[in-house]
Every structure is written in structure tokens, then in C-alpha cells.
């Protein structure tokens, strides 16, 4: 892992940003938009991924960054779980679910590299 100067350079943050855009696009359309609790929780969980990566990086502590990356992973799992709910309620199609859930899974995978690196230091 090369020297990263800004959180925007972190691959997991970049992928989380794409996920947030996808979630916002999904939740702007009916019928998800008509369920404000699910809409807002999906958005908060997705945004939390980006925010945790950024905040952890700015703490300038390996221990804190590791904890924030784990938190981001938890939020990624929350997004995937909520996407199941949206699909089960027929708010989104199976294809929409697959695309968004795959992005969330990619974010989770991208978090493990930095976590392993930080834990090995």
C-alpha cells in the first residue's frame, strides 16, 4: 500500500462514493421514495461508509483508522441488508438489487486490504 495523502485517494472511499450515488438514484424514484424510513436509512448507511473512511483517515492514527474502516464495513453490510428489504417489498427489481448489492460488496472487499495492512504494522 503506497503512501496515501488524502482520503479521496483511498479505493474503498472512491467505491463508496459510487455506491452513494447509486443509492441516491434508487431512492429518488417511487416506490422507495414513498417509504421515507427505508429511503433515509439506506441513504444514511451509504453515506456513513464514505464518512467513516474520511473521518478515520483524518484522525492520523492507525488504531482509529482501523476502527473507522470496520465501522464502514458494518455500514456496507447494513446497505446490503436494507437492499434485500427494498427488493422483498418490490420497491426495486432484482437487477437493481444485484447492481447495488454488488457495489456494496466491492466496498467491503476494498476495506479489507487497508485493514490488514494497518493491523500488520
PDB file of N, CA and C in Angstrom:
ATOM      1  N   UNK A   1       0.862  -1.172   0.000  1.00  0.00           N
ATOM      2  CA  UNK A   1       0.000   0.000   0.000  1.00  0.00           C
ATOM      3  C   UNK A   1       0.899   1.222   0.000  1.00  0.00           C
ATOM      4  N   UNK A   2       0.791   2.042  -1.052  1.00  0.00           N
ATOM      5  CA  UNK A   2       1.601   3.248  -1.157  1.00  0.00           C
ATOM      6  C   UNK A   2       1.134   4.321  -0.197  1.00  0.00           C
ATOM      7  N   UNK A   3       1.912   5.346  -0.108  1.00  0.00           N
ATOM      8  CA  UNK A   3       1.591   6.470   0.783  1.00  0.00           C
ATOM      9  C   UNK A   3       0.376   7.212   0.255  1.00  0.00           C
ATOM     10  N   UNK A   4      -0.640   7.281   1.060  1.00  0.00           N
ATOM     11  CA  UNK A   4      -1.867   7.988   0.705  1.00  0.00           C
ATOM     12  C   UNK A   4      -1.865   9.308   1.455  1.00  0.00           C
ATOM     13  N   UNK A   5      -2.048  10.385   0.712  1.00  0.00           N
ATOM     14  CA  UNK A   5      -2.005  11.731   1.304  1.00  0.00           C
ATOM     15  C   UNK A   5      -3.397  12.274   1.642  1.00  0.00           C
ATOM     16  N   UNK A   6      -4.415  11.810   0.905  1.00  0.00           N
ATOM     17  CA  UNK A   6      -5.779  12.327   1.082  1.00  0.00           C
ATOM     18  C   UNK A   6      -6.754  11.156   1.087  1.00  0.00           C
ATOM     19  N   UNK A   7      -7.825  11.284   1.863  1.00  0.00           N
ATOM     20  CA  UNK A   7      -8.777  10.183   1.918  1.00  0.00           C
ATOM     21  C   UNK A   7      -9.408   9.913   0.558  1.00  0.00           C
ATOM     22  N   UNK A   8      -9.463  10.922  -0.298  1.00  0.00           N
ATOM     23  CA  UNK A   8     -10.051  10.737  -1.626  1.00  0.00           C
ATOM     24  C   UNK A   8      -9.254   9.754  -2.488  1.00  0.00           C
ATOM     25  N   UNK A   9      -8.020   9.477  -2.092  1.00  0.00           N
ATOM     26  CA  UNK A   9      -7.182   8.524  -2.824  1.00  0.00           C
ATOM     27  C   UNK A   9      -7.462   7.078  -2.432  1.00  0.00           C
ATOM     28  N   UNK A  10      -8.191   6.869  -1.381  1.00  0.00           N
ATOM     29  CA  UNK A  10      -8.463   5.515  -0.893  1.00  0.00           C
ATOM     30  C   UNK A  10      -9.497   4.862  -1.798  1.00  0.00           C
ATOM     31  N   UNK A  11      -9.134   3.701  -2.343  1.00  0.00           N
ATOM     32  CA  UNK A  11     -10.015   2.996  -3.279  1.00  0.00           C
ATOM     33  C   UNK A  11     -11.392   2.724  -2.676  1.00  0.00           C
ATOM     34  N   UNK A  12     -11.438   2.298  -1.427  1.00  0.00           N
ATOM     35  CA  UNK A  12     -12.718   1.996  -0.785  1.00  0.00           C
ATOM     36  C   UNK A  12     -13.596   3.247  -0.709  1.00  0.00           C
ATOM     37  N   UNK A  13     -12.996   4.409  -0.468  1.00  0.00           N
ATOM     38  CA  UNK A  13     -13.766   5.652  -0.424  1.00  0.00           C
ATOM     39  C   UNK A  13     -14.321   5.965  -1.813  1.00  0.00           C
ATOM     40  N   UNK A  14     -13.511   5.783  -2.840  1.00  0.00           N
ATOM     41  CA  UNK A  14     -13.956   6.032  -4.207  1.00  0.00           C
ATOM     42  C   UNK A  14     -15.125   5.118  -4.582  1.00  0.00           C
ATOM     43  N   UNK A  15     -15.026   3.853  -4.203  1.00  0.00           N
ATOM     44  CA  UNK A  15     -16.109   2.917  -4.492  1.00  0.00           C
ATOM     45  C   UNK A  15     -17.349   3.239  -3.658  1.00  0.00           C
ATOM     46  N   UNK A  16     -17.140   3.675  -2.419  1.00  0.00           N
ATOM     47  CA  UNK A  16     -18.269   4.069  -1.573  1.00  0.00           C
ATOM     48  C   UNK A  16     -18.990   5.273  -2.174  1.00  0.00           C
ATOM     49  N   UNK A  17     -18.257   6.171  -2.762  1.00  0.00           N
ATOM     50  CA  UNK A  17     -18.862   7.338  -3.418  1.00  0.00           C
ATOM     51  C   UNK A  17     -19.778   6.895  -4.555  1.00  0.00           C
ATOM     52  N   UNK A  18     -19.341   5.917  -5.343  1.00  0.00           N
ATOM     53  CA  UNK A  18     -20.188   5.377  -6.406  1.00  0.00           C
ATOM     54  C   UNK A  18     -21.435   4.711  -5.829  1.00  0.00           C
ATOM     55  N   UNK A  19     -21.252   4.007  -4.720  1.00  0.00           N
ATOM     56  CA  UNK A  19     -22.390   3.365  -4.071  1.00  0.00           C
ATOM     57  C   UNK A  19     -23.393   4.401  -3.591  1.00  0.00           C
ATOM     58  N   UNK A  20     -22.912   5.480  -2.997  1.00  0.00           N
ATOM     59  CA  UNK A  20     -23.813   6.535  -2.522  1.00  0.00           C
ATOM     60  C   UNK A  20     -24.629   7.099  -3.688  1.00  0.00           C
ATOM     61  N   UNK A  21     -23.983   7.353  -4.802  1.00  0.00           N
ATOM     62  CA  UNK A  21     -24.699   7.860  -5.982  1.00  0.00           C
ATOM     63  C   UNK A  21     -25.758   6.865  -6.434  1.00  0.00           C
ATOM     64  N   UNK A  22     -25.415   5.586  -6.427  1.00  0.00           N
ATOM     65  CA  UNK A  22     -26.371   4.546  -6.825  1.00  0.00           C
ATOM     66  C   UNK A  22     -27.557   4.506  -5.868  1.00  0.00           C
ATOM     67  N   UNK A  23     -27.276   4.557  -4.575  1.00  0.00           N
ATOM     68  CA  UNK A  23     -28.355   4.520  -3.574  1.00  0.00           C
ATOM     69  C   UNK A  23     -29.256   5.749  -3.707  1.00  0.00           C
ATOM     70  N   UNK A  24     -28.666   6.909  -3.892  1.00  0.00           N
ATOM     71  CA  UNK A  24     -29.487   8.109  -4.060  1.00  0.00           C
ATOM     72  C   UNK A  24     -30.353   8.002  -5.305  1.00  0.00           C
ATOM     73  N   UNK A  25     -29.814   7.474  -6.390  1.00  0.00           N
ATOM     74  CA  UNK A  25     -30.617   7.301  -7.605  1.00  0.00           C
ATOM     75  C   UNK A  25     -31.761   6.325  -7.374  1.00  0.00           C
ATOM     76  N   UNK A  26     -31.488   5.224  -6.684  1.00  0.00           N
ATOM     77  CA  UNK A  26     -32.545   4.249  -6.392  1.00  0.00           C
ATOM     78  C   UNK A  26     -33.628   4.837  -5.496  1.00  0.00           C
ATOM     79  N   UNK A  27     -33.223   5.656  -4.548  1.00  0.00           N
ATOM     80  CA  UNK A  27     -34.184   6.149  -3.552  1.00  0.00           C
ATOM     81  C   UNK A  27     -34.900   7.428  -3.976  1.00  0.00           C
ATOM     82  N   UNK A  28     -34.524   7.978  -5.122  1.00  0.00           N
ATOM     83  CA  UNK A  28     -35.246   9.141  -5.654  1.00  0.00           C
ATOM     84  C   UNK A  28     -36.534   8.730  -6.360  1.00  0.00           C
ATOM     85  N   UNK A  29     -36.580   7.480  -6.783  1.00  0.00           N
ATOM     86  CA  UNK A  29     -37.702   7.003  -7.593  1.00  0.00           C
ATOM     87  C   UNK A  29     -38.743   6.307  -6.724  1.00  0.00           C
ATOM     88  N   UNK A  30     -39.989   6.421  -7.138  1.00  0.00           N
ATOM     89  CA  UNK A  30     -41.005   5.633  -6.449  1.00  0.00           C
ATOM     90  C   UNK A  30     -40.779   4.157  -6.771  1.00  0.00           C
ATOM     91  N   UNK A  31     -41.113   3.241  -5.963  1.00  0.00           N
ATOM     92  CA  UNK A  31     -41.809   3.411  -4.691  1.00  0.00           C
ATOM     93  C   UNK A  31     -40.893   3.599  -3.475  1.00  0.00           C
ATOM     94  N   UNK A  32     -39.576   3.493  -3.627  1.00  0.00           N
ATOM     95  CA  UNK A  32     -38.693   3.669  -2.467  1.00  0.00           C
ATOM     96  C   UNK A  32     -38.888   5.052  -1.864  1.00  0.00           C
ATOM     97  N   UNK A  33     -39.023   6.051  -2.713  1.00  0.00           N
ATOM     98  CA  UNK A  33     -39.190   7.417  -2.232  1.00  0.00           C
ATOM     99  C   UNK A  33     -40.414   7.547  -1.330  1.00  0.00           C
ATOM    100  N   UNK A  34     -41.427   6.725  -1.580  1.00  0.00           N
ATOM    101  CA  UNK A  34     -42.660   6.791  -0.800  1.00  0.00           C
ATOM    102  C   UNK A  34     -42.515   6.158   0.586  1.00  0.00           C
ATOM    103  N   UNK A  35     -41.424   5.465   0.830  1.00  0.00           N
ATOM    104  CA  UNK A  35     -41.158   4.877   2.150  1.00  0.00           C
ATOM    105  C   UNK A  35     -40.002   5.663   2.766  1.00  0.00           C
ATOM    106  N   UNK A  36     -40.316   6.788   3.425  1.00  0.00           N
ATOM    107  CA  UNK A  36     -39.250   7.674   3.897  1.00  0.00           C
ATOM    108  C   UNK A  36     -38.309   7.026   4.907  1.00  0.00           C
ATOM    109  N   UNK A  37     -38.796   6.100   5.715  1.00  0.00           N
ATOM    110  CA  UNK A  37     -37.911   5.456   6.694  1.00  0.00           C
ATOM    111  C   UNK A  37     -36.849   4.618   5.990  1.00  0.00           C
ATOM    112  N   UNK A  38     -37.265   3.790   5.050  1.00  0.00           N
ATOM    113  CA  UNK A  38     -36.303   2.968   4.323  1.00  0.00           C
ATOM    114  C   UNK A  38     -35.390   3.844   3.476  1.00  0.00           C
ATOM    115  N   UNK A  39     -35.965   4.809   2.791  1.00  0.00           N
ATOM    116  CA  UNK A  39     -35.171   5.717   1.950  1.00  0.00           C
ATOM    117  C   UNK A  39     -34.073   6.392   2.762  1.00  0.00           C
ATOM    118  N   UNK A  40     -34.457   6.966   3.882  1.00  0.00           N
ATOM    119  CA  UNK A  40     -33.493   7.707   4.695  1.00  0.00           C
ATOM    120  C   UNK A  40     -32.447   6.789   5.322  1.00  0.00           C
ATOM    121  N   UNK A  41     -32.868   5.600   5.770  1.00  0.00           N
ATOM    122  CA  UNK A  41     -31.912   4.675   6.382  1.00  0.00           C
ATOM    123  C   UNK A  41     -30.903   4.171   5.354  1.00  0.00           C
ATOM    124  N   UNK A  42     -31.369   3.871   4.147  1.00  0.00           N
ATOM    125  CA  UNK A  42     -30.449   3.453   3.077  1.00  0.00           C
ATOM    126  C   UNK A  42     -29.442   4.557   2.784  1.00  0.00           C
ATOM    127  N   UNK A  43     -29.921   5.775   2.682  1.00  0.00           N
ATOM    128  CA  UNK A  43     -29.021   6.899   2.400  1.00  0.00           C
ATOM    129  C   UNK A  43     -28.023   7.104   3.527  1.00  0.00           C
ATOM    130  N   UNK A  44     -28.508   7.072   4.770  1.00  0.00           N
ATOM    131  CA  UNK A  44     -27.611   7.280   5.915  1.00  0.00           C
ATOM    132  C   UNK A  44     -26.542   6.197   5.981  1.00  0.00           C
ATOM    133  N   UNK A  45     -26.933   4.958   5.747  1.00  0.00           N
ATOM    134  CA  UNK A  45     -25.971   3.856   5.812  1.00  0.00           C
ATOM    135  C   UNK A  45     -24.910   4.005   4.729  1.00  0.00           C
ATOM    136  N   UNK A  46     -25.327   4.359   3.512  1.00  0.00           N
ATOM    137  CA  UNK A  46     -24.364   4.519   2.412  1.00  0.00           C
ATOM    138  C   UNK A  46     -23.423   5.690   2.685  1.00  0.00           C
ATOM    139  N   UNK A  47     -23.975   6.805   3.106  1.00  0.00           N
ATOM    140  CA  UNK A  47     -23.153   7.980   3.398  1.00  0.00           C
ATOM    141  C   UNK A  47     -22.196   7.686   4.550  1.00  0.00           C
ATOM    142  N   UNK A  48     -22.643   6.890   5.504  1.00  0.00           N
ATOM    143  CA  UNK A  48     -21.812   6.537   6.646  1.00  0.00           C
ATOM    144  C   UNK A  48     -20.525   5.830   6.221  1.00  0.00           C
ATOM    145  N   UNK A  49     -20.586   5.059   5.154  1.00  0.00           N
ATOM    146  CA  UNK A  49     -19.387   4.370   4.670  1.00  0.00           C
ATOM    147  C   UNK A  49     -18.332   5.403   4.289  1.00  0.00           C
ATOM    148  N   UNK A  50     -18.724   6.334   3.423  1.00  0.00           N
ATOM    149  CA  UNK A  50     -17.798   7.388   2.983  1.00  0.00           C
ATOM    150  C   UNK A  50     -17.288   8.201   4.168  1.00  0.00           C
ATOM    151  N   UNK A  51     -18.205   8.583   5.032  1.00  0.00           N
ATOM    152  CA  UNK A  51     -17.855   9.447   6.157  1.00  0.00           C
ATOM    153  C   UNK A  51     -16.889   8.761   7.116  1.00  0.00           C
ATOM    154  N   UNK A  52     -17.109   7.484   7.392  1.00  0.00           N
ATOM    155  CA  UNK A  52     -16.217   6.759   8.302  1.00  0.00           C
ATOM    156  C   UNK A  52     -14.814   6.633   7.735  1.00  0.00           C
ATOM    157  N   UNK A  53     -14.713   6.366   6.445  1.00  0.00           N
ATOM    158  CA  UNK A  53     -13.382   6.269   5.830  1.00  0.00           C
ATOM    159  C   UNK A  53     -12.660   7.609   5.934  1.00  0.00           C
ATOM    160  N   UNK A  54     -13.361   8.690   5.589  1.00  0.00           N
ATOM    161  CA  UNK A  54     -12.754  10.019   5.626  1.00  0.00           C
ATOM    162  C   UNK A  54     -12.374  10.423   7.049  1.00  0.00           C
ATOM    163  N   UNK A  55     -13.298  10.226   7.974  1.00  0.00           N
ATOM    164  CA  UNK A  55     -13.019  10.633   9.352  1.00  0.00           C
ATOM    165  C   UNK A  55     -11.878   9.821   9.949  1.00  0.00           C
ATOM    166  N   UNK A  56     -11.891   8.530   9.716  1.00  0.00           N
ATOM    167  CA  UNK A  56     -10.810   7.692  10.239  1.00  0.00           C
ATOM    168  C   UNK A  56      -9.454   8.098   9.689  1.00  0.00           C
ATOM    169  N   UNK A  57      -9.408   8.407   8.394  1.00  0.00           N
ATOM    170  CA  UNK A  57      -8.148   8.817   7.782  1.00  0.00           C
ATOM    171  C   UNK A  57      -7.636  10.111   8.403  1.00  0.00           C
ATOM    172  N   UNK A  58      -8.511  11.048   8.619  1.00  0.00           N
ATOM    173  CA  UNK A  58      -8.105  12.349   9.160  1.00  0.00           C
ATOM    174  C   UNK A  58      -7.706  12.291  10.623  1.00  0.00           C
ATOM    175  N   UNK A  59      -8.010  11.211  11.309  1.00  0.00           N
ATOM    176  CA  UNK A  59      -7.599  11.069  12.705  1.00  0.00           C
ATOM    177  C   UNK A  59      -6.097  10.849  12.831  1.00  0.00           C
ATOM    178  N   UNK A  60      -5.454  10.418  11.741  1.00  0.00           N
ATOM    179  CA  UNK A  60      -3.989  10.232  11.692  1.00  0.00           C
ATOM    180  C   UNK A  60      -3.476   9.229  12.726  1.00  0.00           C
ATOM    181  N   UNK A  61      -4.299   8.244  13.007  1.00  0.00           N
ATOM    182  CA  UNK A  61      -3.915   7.187  13.940  1.00  0.00           C
ATOM    183  C   UNK A  61      -4.298   5.852  13.304  1.00  0.00           C
ATOM    184  N   UNK A  62      -3.347   4.931  13.210  1.00  0.00           N
ATOM    185  CA  UNK A  62      -3.640   3.618  12.626  1.00  0.00           C
ATOM    186  C   UNK A  62      -4.764   2.917  13.371  1.00  0.00           C
ATOM    187  N   UNK A  63      -4.729   2.996  14.694  1.00  0.00           N
ATOM    188  CA  UNK A  63      -5.754   2.323  15.500  1.00  0.00           C
ATOM    189  C   UNK A  63      -7.137   2.901  15.218  1.00  0.00           C
ATOM    190  N   UNK A  64      -7.223   4.219  15.184  1.00  0.00           N
ATOM    191  CA  UNK A  64      -8.529   4.832  14.931  1.00  0.00           C
ATOM    192  C   UNK A  64      -8.986   4.594  13.493  1.00  0.00           C
ATOM    193  N   UNK A  65      -8.064   4.695  12.544  1.00  0.00           N
ATOM    194  CA  UNK A  65      -8.439   4.439  11.152  1.00  0.00           C
ATOM    195  C   UNK A  65      -8.966   3.018  11.008  1.00  0.00           C
ATOM    196  N   UNK A  66      -8.305   2.062  11.632  1.00  0.00           N
ATOM    197  CA  UNK A  66      -8.767   0.677  11.559  1.00  0.00           C
ATOM    198  C   UNK A  66     -10.187   0.555  12.092  1.00  0.00           C
ATOM    199  N   UNK A  67     -10.456   1.181  13.231  1.00  0.00           N
ATOM    200  CA  UNK A  67     -11.799   1.115  13.810  1.00  0.00           C
ATOM    201  C   UNK A  67     -12.831   1.749  12.877  1.00  0.00           C
ATOM    202  N   UNK A  68     -12.509   2.887  12.301  1.00  0.00           N
ATOM    203  CA  UNK A  68     -13.439   3.547  11.391  1.00  0.00           C
ATOM    204  C   UNK A  68     -13.657   2.724  10.122  1.00  0.00           C
ATOM    205  N   UNK A  69     -12.620   2.028   9.659  1.00  0.00           N
ATOM    206  CA  UNK A  69     -12.787   1.163   8.483  1.00  0.00           C
ATOM    207  C   UNK A  69     -13.701  -0.015   8.814  1.00  0.00           C
ATOM    208  N   UNK A  70     -13.572  -0.558  10.015  1.00  0.00           N
ATOM    209  CA  UNK A  70     -14.502  -1.607  10.446  1.00  0.00           C
ATOM    210  C   UNK A  70     -15.933  -1.062  10.510  1.00  0.00           C
ATOM    211  N   UNK A  71     -16.091   0.165  11.008  1.00  0.00           N
ATOM    212  CA  UNK A  71     -17.413   0.786  11.047  1.00  0.00           C
ATOM    213  C   UNK A  71     -17.985   0.937   9.637  1.00  0.00           C
ATOM    214  N   UNK A  72     -17.125   1.340   8.706  1.00  0.00           N
ATOM    215  CA  UNK A  72     -17.562   1.476   7.310  1.00  0.00           C
ATOM    216  C   UNK A  72     -18.025   0.129   6.767  1.00  0.00           C
ATOM    217  N   UNK A  73     -17.310  -0.931   7.114  1.00  0.00           N
ATOM    218  CA  UNK A  73     -17.721  -2.267   6.691  1.00  0.00           C
ATOM    219  C   UNK A  73     -19.083  -2.644   7.248  1.00  0.00           C
ATOM    220  N   UNK A  74     -19.328  -2.273   8.486  1.00  0.00           N
ATOM    221  CA  UNK A  74     -20.646  -2.523   9.080  1.00  0.00           C
ATOM    222  C   UNK A  74     -21.739  -1.778   8.346  1.00  0.00           C
ATOM    223  N   UNK A  75     -21.463  -0.549   7.966  1.00  0.00           N
ATOM    224  CA  UNK A  75     -22.448   0.231   7.217  1.00  0.00           C
ATOM    225  C   UNK A  75     -22.681  -0.358   5.832  1.00  0.00           C
ATOM    226  N   UNK A  76     -21.641  -0.916   5.238  1.00  0.00           N
ATOM    227  CA  UNK A  76     -21.796  -1.571   3.941  1.00  0.00           C
ATOM    228  C   UNK A  76     -22.725  -2.774   4.062  1.00  0.00           C
ATOM    229  N   UNK A  77     -22.567  -3.544   5.131  1.00  0.00           N
ATOM    230  CA  UNK A  77     -23.455  -4.686   5.372  1.00  0.00           C
ATOM    231  C   UNK A  77     -24.885  -4.204   5.609  1.00  0.00           C
ATOM    232  N   UNK A  78     -25.025  -3.092   6.297  1.00  0.00           N
ATOM    233  CA  UNK A  78     -26.358  -2.526   6.528  1.00  0.00           C
ATOM    234  C   UNK A  78     -27.019  -2.149   5.206  1.00  0.00           C
ATOM    235  N   UNK A  79     -26.259  -1.547   4.307  1.00  0.00           N
ATOM    236  CA  UNK A  79     -26.803  -1.201   2.986  1.00  0.00           C
ATOM    237  C   UNK A  79     -27.301  -2.459   2.291  1.00  0.00           C
ATOM    238  N   UNK A  80     -26.482  -3.502   2.282  1.00  0.00           N
ATOM    239  CA  UNK A  80     -26.890  -4.738   1.607  1.00  0.00           C
ATOM    240  C   UNK A  80     -28.161  -5.311   2.235  1.00  0.00           C
ATOM    241  N   UNK A  81     -28.237  -5.302   3.551  1.00  0.00           N
ATOM    242  CA  UNK A  81     -29.420  -5.818   4.235  1.00  0.00           C
ATOM    243  C   UNK A  81     -30.668  -5.006   3.873  1.00  0.00           C
ATOM    244  N   UNK A  82     -30.531  -3.705   3.854  1.00  0.00           N
ATOM    245  CA  UNK A  82     -31.664  -2.844   3.501  1.00  0.00           C
ATOM    246  C   UNK A  82     -32.066  -3.005   2.037  1.00  0.00           C
ATOM    247  N   UNK A  83     -31.095  -3.295   1.186  1.00  0.00           N
ATOM    248  CA  UNK A  83     -31.426  -3.562  -0.218  1.00  0.00           C
ATOM    249  C   UNK A  83     -32.285  -4.818  -0.349  1.00  0.00           C
ATOM    250  N   UNK A  84     -32.009  -5.828   0.483  1.00  0.00           N
ATOM    251  CA  UNK A  84     -32.875  -7.015   0.487  1.00  0.00           C
ATOM    252  C   UNK A  84     -34.304  -6.621   0.845  1.00  0.00           C
ATOM    253  N   UNK A  85     -34.431  -5.789   1.852  1.00  0.00           N
ATOM    254  CA  UNK A  85     -35.764  -5.332   2.261  1.00  0.00           C
ATOM    255  C   UNK A  85     -36.455  -4.611   1.108  1.00  0.00           C
ATOM    256  N   UNK A  86     -35.734  -3.731   0.454  1.00  0.00           N
ATOM    257  CA  UNK A  86     -36.316  -2.985  -0.671  1.00  0.00           C
ATOM    258  C   UNK A  86     -36.754  -3.932  -1.782  1.00  0.00           C
ATOM    259  N   UNK A  87     -35.953  -4.950  -2.059  1.00  0.00           N
ATOM    260  CA  UNK A  87     -36.324  -5.916  -3.094  1.00  0.00           C
ATOM    261  C   UNK A  87     -37.511  -6.763  -2.635  1.00  0.00           C
ATOM    262  N   UNK A  88     -37.492  -7.208  -1.387  1.00  0.00           N
ATOM    263  CA  UNK A  88     -38.589  -8.030  -0.877  1.00  0.00           C
ATOM    264  C   UNK A  88     -39.917  -7.286  -0.893  1.00  0.00           C
ATOM    265  N   UNK A  89     -39.858  -5.973  -0.704  1.00  0.00           N
ATOM    266  CA  UNK A  89     -41.076  -5.154  -0.730  1.00  0.00           C
ATOM    267  C   UNK A  89     -41.449  -4.729  -2.151  1.00  0.00           C
ATOM    268  N   UNK A  90     -40.663  -5.218  -3.113  1.00  0.00           N
ATOM    269  CA  UNK A  90     -40.886  -4.913  -4.533  1.00  0.00           C
ATOM    270  C   UNK A  90     -40.706  -3.421  -4.845  1.00  0.00           C
ATOM    271  N   UNK A  91     -39.855  -2.766  -4.041  1.00  0.00           N
ATOM    272  CA  UNK A  91     -39.518  -1.370  -4.293  1.00  0.00           C
ATOM    273  C   UNK A  91     -38.466  -1.262  -5.384  1.00  0.00           C
ATOM    274  N   UNK A  92     -37.596  -2.278  -5.466  1.00  0.00           N
ATOM    275  CA  UNK A  92     -36.566  -2.310  -6.504  1.00  0.00           C
ATOM    276  C   UNK A  92     -36.596  -3.683  -7.166  1.00  0.00           C
ATOM    277  N   UNK A  93     -36.129  -3.736  -8.382  1.00  0.00           N
ATOM    278  CA  UNK A  93     -36.096  -5.003  -9.107  1.00  0.00           C
ATOM    279  C   UNK A  93     -34.902  -5.845  -8.650  1.00  0.00           C
ATOM    280  N   UNK A  94     -34.927  -7.098  -9.051  1.00  0.00           N
ATOM    281  CA  UNK A  94     -33.803  -7.987  -8.732  1.00  0.00           C
ATOM    282  C   UNK A  94     -32.524  -7.470  -9.386  1.00  0.00           C
ATOM    283  N   UNK A  95     -32.633  -6.932 -10.600  1.00  0.00           N
ATOM    284  CA  UNK A  95     -31.456  -6.372 -11.278  1.00  0.00           C
ATOM    285  C   UNK A  95     -30.907  -5.165 -10.534  1.00  0.00           C
ATOM    286  N   UNK A  96     -31.786  -4.282 -10.091  1.00  0.00           N
ATOM    287  CA  UNK A  96     -31.342  -3.114  -9.320  1.00  0.00           C
ATOM    288  C   UNK A  96     -30.673  -3.567  -8.026  1.00  0.00           C
ATOM    289  N   UNK A  97     -31.289  -4.565  -7.383  1.00  0.00           N
ATOM    290  CA  UNK A  97     -30.701  -5.109  -6.161  1.00  0.00           C
ATOM    291  C   UNK A  97     -29.298  -5.639  -6.437  1.00  0.00           C
ATOM    292  N   UNK A  98     -29.163  -6.457  -7.477  1.00  0.00           N
ATOM    293  CA  UNK A  98     -27.874  -7.078  -7.783  1.00  0.00           C
ATOM    294  C   UNK A  98     -26.788  -6.039  -8.038  1.00  0.00           C
ATOM    295  N   UNK A  99     -27.124  -5.015  -8.790  1.00  0.00           N
ATOM    296  CA  UNK A  99     -26.128  -3.976  -9.095  1.00  0.00           C
ATOM    297  C   UNK A  99     -25.695  -3.240  -7.830  1.00  0.00           C
ATOM    298  N   UNK A 100     -26.652  -2.817  -7.035  1.00  0.00           N
ATOM    299  CA  UNK A 100     -26.326  -2.056  -5.824  1.00  0.00           C
ATOM    300  C   UNK A 100     -25.641  -2.932  -4.780  1.00  0.00           C
ATOM    301  N   UNK A 101     -26.118  -4.154  -4.608  1.00  0.00           N
ATOM    302  CA  UNK A 101     -25.514  -5.051  -3.620  1.00  0.00           C
ATOM    303  C   UNK A 101     -24.084  -5.419  -4.026  1.00  0.00           C
ATOM    304  N   UNK A 102     -23.859  -5.583  -5.330  1.00  0.00           N
ATOM    305  CA  UNK A 102     -22.501  -5.885  -5.803  1.00  0.00           C
ATOM    306  C   UNK A 102     -21.558  -4.720  -5.515  1.00  0.00           C
ATOM    307  N   UNK A 103     -22.032  -3.494  -5.685  1.00  0.00           N
ATOM    308  CA  UNK A 103     -21.208  -2.326  -5.351  1.00  0.00           C
ATOM    309  C   UNK A 103     -20.881  -2.306  -3.859  1.00  0.00           C
ATOM    310  N   UNK A 104     -21.874  -2.576  -3.029  1.00  0.00           N
ATOM    311  CA  UNK A 104     -21.651  -2.597  -1.580  1.00  0.00           C
ATOM    312  C   UNK A 104     -20.655  -3.688  -1.209  1.00  0.00           C
ATOM    313  N   UNK A 105     -20.743  -4.830  -1.871  1.00  0.00           N
ATOM    314  CA  UNK A 105     -19.800  -5.919  -1.615  1.00  0.00           C
ATOM    315  C   UNK A 105     -18.383  -5.525  -2.031  1.00  0.00           C
ATOM    316  N   UNK A 106     -18.259  -4.820  -3.147  1.00  0.00           N
ATOM    317  CA  UNK A 106     -16.951  -4.342  -3.600  1.00  0.00           C
ATOM    318  C   UNK A 106     -16.343  -3.373  -2.590  1.00  0.00           C
ATOM    319  N   UNK A 107     -17.178  -2.528  -2.026  1.00  0.00           N
ATOM    320  CA  UNK A 107     -16.693  -1.604  -0.991  1.00  0.00           C
ATOM    321  C   UNK A 107     -16.158  -2.405   0.190  1.00  0.00           C
ATOM    322  N   UNK A 108     -16.919  -3.392   0.624  1.00  0.00           N
ATOM    323  CA  UNK A 108     -16.477  -4.224   1.756  1.00  0.00           C
ATOM    324  C   UNK A 108     -15.136  -4.881   1.466  1.00  0.00           C
ATOM    325  N   UNK A 109     -15.004  -5.449   0.281  1.00  0.00           N
ATOM    326  CA  UNK A 109     -13.744  -6.093  -0.090  1.00  0.00           C
ATOM    327  C   UNK A 109     -12.601  -5.086  -0.126  1.00  0.00           C
ATOM    328  N   UNK A 110     -12.867  -3.886  -0.630  1.00  0.00           N
ATOM    329  CA  UNK A 110     -11.824  -2.857  -0.718  1.00  0.00           C
ATOM    330  C   UNK A 110     -11.377  -2.387   0.665  1.00  0.00           C
ATOM    331  N   UNK A 111     -12.212  -2.555   1.671  1.00  0.00           N
ATOM    332  CA  UNK A 111     -11.849  -2.159   3.034  1.00  0.00           C
ATOM    333  C   UNK A 111     -10.873  -3.137   3.682  1.00  0.00           C
ATOM    334  N   UNK A 112     -10.926  -4.398   3.288  1.00  0.00           N
ATOM    335  CA  UNK A 112     -10.105  -5.411   3.952  1.00  0.00           C
ATOM    336  C   UNK A 112      -8.621  -5.225   3.706  1.00  0.00           C
ATOM    337  N   UNK A 113      -8.226  -4.755   2.529  1.00  0.00           N
ATOM    338  CA  UNK A 113      -6.804  -4.531   2.263  1.00  0.00           C
ATOM    339  C   UNK A 113      -6.191  -3.533   3.231  1.00  0.00           C
ATOM    340  N   UNK A 114      -6.760  -2.343   3.326  1.00  0.00           N
ATOM    341  CA  UNK A 114      -6.225  -1.379   4.300  1.00  0.00           C
ATOM    342  C   UNK A 114      -6.287  -1.866   5.740  1.00  0.00           C
ATOM    343  N   UNK A 115      -7.351  -2.581   6.084  1.00  0.00           N
ATOM    344  CA  UNK A 115      -7.452  -3.098   7.458  1.00  0.00           C
ATOM    345  C   UNK A 115      -6.315  -4.075   7.735  1.00  0.00           C
ATOM    346  N   UNK A 116      -6.096  -5.019   6.818  1.00  0.00           N
ATOM    347  CA  UNK A 116      -4.996  -5.990   7.003  1.00  0.00           C
ATOM    348  C   UNK A 116      -3.658  -5.282   7.082  1.00  0.00           C
ATOM    349  N   UNK A 117      -3.460  -4.297   6.226  1.00  0.00           N
ATOM    350  CA  UNK A 117      -2.197  -3.544   6.218  1.00  0.00           C
ATOM    351  C   UNK A 117      -1.994  -2.852   7.558  1.00  0.00           C
ATOM    352  N   UNK A 118      -3.017  -2.171   8.038  1.00  0.00           N
ATOM    353  CA  UNK A 118      -2.893  -1.432   9.294  1.00  0.00           C
ATOM    354  C   UNK A 118      -2.695  -2.355  10.482  1.00  0.00           C
ATOM    355  N   UNK A 119      -3.333  -3.492  10.472  1.00  0.00           N
ATOM    356  CA  UNK A 119      -3.192  -4.432  11.588  1.00  0.00           C
ATOM    357  C   UNK A 119      -1.821  -5.099  11.585  1.00  0.00           C
ATOM    358  N   UNK A 120      -1.176  -5.133  10.424  1.00  0.00           N
ATOM    359  CA  UNK A 120       0.154  -5.754  10.341  1.00  0.00           C
ATOM    360  C   UNK A 120       1.296  -4.829  10.670  1.00  0.00           C
ATOM    361  N   UNK A 121       1.007  -3.542  10.848  1.00  0.00           N
ATOM    362  CA  UNK A 121       2.063  -2.567  11.143  1.00  0.00           C
ATOM    363  C   UNK A 121       2.467  -2.585  12.583  1.00  0.00           C
TER     364      UNK A 121
END
